[in-house]
Protein backbone atom coordinates (compact mmCIF):
# COMPACT_ATOMS: atom_id res chain seq x y z
CA MET A 1 6.83 1.64 1.94
CA ALA A 2 4.93 4.54 1.90
CA ASN A 3 5.83 8.27 2.14
CA ALA A 4 2.62 9.61 2.63
CA PRO A 5 2.25 11.30 6.43
CA ASP A 6 -0.99 9.55 6.93
CA ALA A 7 -0.11 6.16 5.05
CA SER A 8 0.18 4.41 8.38
CA GLU A 9 -3.98 5.32 8.76
CA TRP A 10 -4.54 3.55 5.51
CA ARG A 11 -4.88 -0.27 6.40
CA PRO A 12 -5.00 -0.35 10.56
CA GLY A 13 -2.66 -3.27 11.85
CA LEU A 14 0.10 -2.62 8.76
CA SER A 15 3.33 -1.29 9.41
CA THR A 16 4.55 1.12 6.93
CA VAL A 17 7.92 2.66 6.54
CA SER A 18 9.35 5.72 4.78
CA ASP A 19 12.09 5.52 2.42
CA VAL A 20 15.21 5.80 3.92
CA ARG A 21 16.38 8.07 1.13
CA LEU A 22 13.45 10.31 -0.02
CA GLY A 23 13.00 11.84 -3.68
CA PHE A 24 14.27 8.63 -5.56
CA GLY A 25 11.05 6.95 -6.61
CA SER A 26 10.59 3.16 -7.28
CA LEU A 27 14.17 2.59 -6.76
CA GLY A 28 14.05 4.31 -3.33
CA GLY A 29 11.61 2.09 -2.09
CA ILE A 30 13.25 -1.04 -3.29
CA TYR A 31 16.42 0.65 -1.55
CA THR A 32 14.18 1.06 1.99
CA ALA A 33 12.80 -2.66 1.51
CA VAL A 34 16.44 -4.27 1.12
CA ILE A 35 17.64 -2.14 4.35
CA GLU A 36 14.78 -2.10 6.57
CA ALA A 37 14.04 -5.98 5.69
CA PRO A 38 15.52 -8.42 7.85
CA ALA A 39 15.78 -11.15 5.41
CA PRO A 40 15.58 -10.92 1.61
CA VAL A 41 12.44 -9.50 0.32
CA VAL A 42 9.55 -9.55 -2.54
CA CYS A 43 8.44 -6.33 -3.55
CA VAL A 44 5.46 -5.39 -4.63
CA ALA A 45 4.07 -2.06 -6.23
CA TRP A 46 0.97 -1.17 -3.70
CA ASP A 47 -0.99 -0.98 -6.92
CA MET A 48 -0.76 -4.76 -8.04
CA PRO A 49 -4.02 -5.87 -6.82
CA PHE A 50 -3.78 -9.52 -8.26
CA VAL A 51 -0.38 -10.37 -7.51
CA SER A 52 -0.83 -14.11 -6.57
CA GLU A 53 0.85 -15.64 -3.36
CA SER A 54 2.24 -18.59 -6.26
CA LEU A 55 4.31 -15.95 -7.90
CA ILE A 56 5.60 -14.35 -4.98
CA ARG A 57 6.79 -17.88 -3.75
CA ALA A 58 8.46 -18.16 -7.10
CA LEU A 59 10.27 -15.41 -6.82
CA ALA A 60 11.12 -16.08 -3.28
CA GLU A 61 12.41 -19.56 -4.52
CA GLY A 62 14.63 -18.08 -7.04
CA LEU A 63 16.76 -16.39 -4.69
CA GLU A 64 18.50 -19.38 -4.08
CA GLY A 65 20.59 -18.98 -6.90
CA ALA A 66 20.51 -15.13 -7.60
CA ASP A 67 20.64 -11.78 -6.13
CA ALA A 68 16.84 -10.45 -7.78
CA VAL A 69 14.49 -12.67 -9.75
CA LEU A 70 12.28 -10.92 -11.69
CA PRO A 71 9.12 -11.96 -13.73
CA GLN A 72 9.19 -11.71 -17.19
CA SER A 73 6.06 -10.00 -18.75
CA ASP A 74 5.32 -8.25 -21.91
CA GLY A 75 5.65 -4.85 -20.33
CA ARG A 76 7.95 -1.76 -21.78
CA ARG A 77 10.84 -3.65 -19.49
CA GLY A 78 10.41 -6.94 -20.36
CA VAL A 79 10.52 -7.86 -16.75
CA GLU A 80 8.50 -6.51 -13.35
CA PRO A 81 11.18 -4.55 -11.33
CA LEU A 82 8.08 -3.79 -8.77
CA CYS A 83 6.86 -7.34 -8.10
CA ALA A 84 10.38 -8.99 -7.57
CA ALA A 85 12.69 -10.59 -4.85
CA TYR A 86 15.73 -8.81 -3.79
CA GLY A 87 18.35 -10.32 -1.78
CA SER A 88 20.85 -8.57 0.60
CA ALA A 89 23.47 -8.13 -2.27
CA CYS A 90 21.08 -5.29 -3.51
CA ARG A 91 21.89 -3.08 -1.17
CA GLU A 92 25.56 -1.81 -1.92
CA ALA A 93 24.61 -2.44 -5.66
CA ILE A 94 21.19 0.15 -5.38
CA ALA A 95 23.10 2.96 -3.16
CA ALA A 96 25.93 2.81 -6.12
CA SER A 97 23.45 3.52 -8.70
CA LEU A 98 21.52 6.18 -6.20
CA ALA A 99 25.35 7.82 -5.77
CA GLU A 100 25.01 8.01 -9.81
CA ASP A 101 21.72 9.56 -9.86
CA ASP A 102 20.57 6.28 -11.94
CA LEU A 103 17.32 5.68 -10.71
CA ARG A 104 15.89 3.73 -12.61
CA ALA A 105 14.41 0.31 -11.18
CA ILE A 106 16.74 -1.94 -13.46
CA GLY A 107 19.68 0.30 -13.64
CA PHE A 108 22.05 -1.32 -10.64
CA HIS A 109 21.22 -4.85 -11.89
CA ARG A 110 24.68 -5.04 -13.89
CA ARG A 111 26.40 -5.01 -10.35
CA ILE A 112 24.30 -8.14 -9.76
CA ARG A 113 23.50 -11.97 -10.15
CA VAL A 114 19.68 -11.41 -11.87
CA GLY A 115 17.72 -14.41 -11.93
CA ILE A 116 14.68 -14.11 -14.46
CA LEU A 117 11.52 -15.93 -13.99
CA PRO A 118 10.67 -17.09 -17.68
CA LEU A 119 7.25 -15.87 -19.39
CA ASP A 120 5.93 -19.36 -19.54
CA GLN A 121 6.56 -20.26 -16.04
CA VAL A 122 4.41 -16.68 -14.82
CA ARG A 123 1.68 -17.94 -17.55
CA ALA A 124 1.44 -20.92 -15.65
CA LEU A 125 0.67 -19.12 -12.26
CA ALA A 126 -1.86 -16.79 -13.74
CA ASP A 127 -2.64 -14.82 -16.88
CA PRO A 128 0.26 -11.86 -16.83
CA ASP A 129 -1.88 -9.17 -17.76
CA LEU A 130 -4.04 -9.98 -14.48
CA LEU A 131 -0.81 -10.18 -12.08
CA PHE A 132 0.76 -7.15 -13.19
CA PHE A 133 -2.29 -5.21 -13.65
CA ASN A 134 -1.74 -1.37 -12.09
CA VAL A 135 -4.23 0.95 -10.45
CA ASN A 136 -3.50 4.15 -11.34
CA THR A 137 -6.50 5.97 -12.29
CA ALA A 138 -10.02 5.89 -11.18
CA ASP A 139 -11.15 4.09 -14.56
CA ASP A 140 -8.42 1.61 -13.73
CA LEU A 141 -10.04 1.32 -10.34
CA ALA A 142 -12.90 0.57 -11.76
CA ARG A 143 -11.65 -1.86 -14.15
CA ALA A 144 -9.96 -4.01 -11.10
CA ASP A 145 -12.79 -3.80 -9.08
CA GLN A 146 -14.60 -5.40 -12.05
CA LEU A 147 -11.83 -8.39 -12.39
CA TRP A 148 -12.28 -8.52 -8.55
CA ARG A 149 -15.99 -9.30 -9.05
CA ARG A 150 -15.65 -11.71 -11.46
CA ARG A 151 -12.49 -13.39 -9.99
CA ALA A 152 -14.78 -14.05 -7.01
CA SER A 153 -17.48 -15.41 -8.41
CA SER A 154 -16.13 -17.91 -10.65
CA PRO A 155 -15.44 -21.54 -9.28
């Protein structure tokens, strides 16, 4: 999902979709994903370059017993809603939150069954500080490049 007019040019061959309801921030993006996807989805923020395939698989597998599955983290929310799996039950739950002007990425959780991938299981997959690293500034981009090069050069 991307709302920029030139988003389709960012990466050739990558399909982009604008938010179905503009102006609702991250929750609007998650809502678009669960509306537009043909099946349950794993949403990963564009600025998280180190999310691993193993984490994505673990989140997706958790949907067998929950409507949404979020990895636990040391972040301010304690979970990472912008790196999480969402099932079809999230459609109505998010729509209700949007109708209430509750734009918190976790505000709709009270309406669904939420599963949490415990921090120890996240750590078994990779370092959470790396997995959930965000690139928001030029300094972050330089740090991400450094981390990528270090990772690529390690055995």
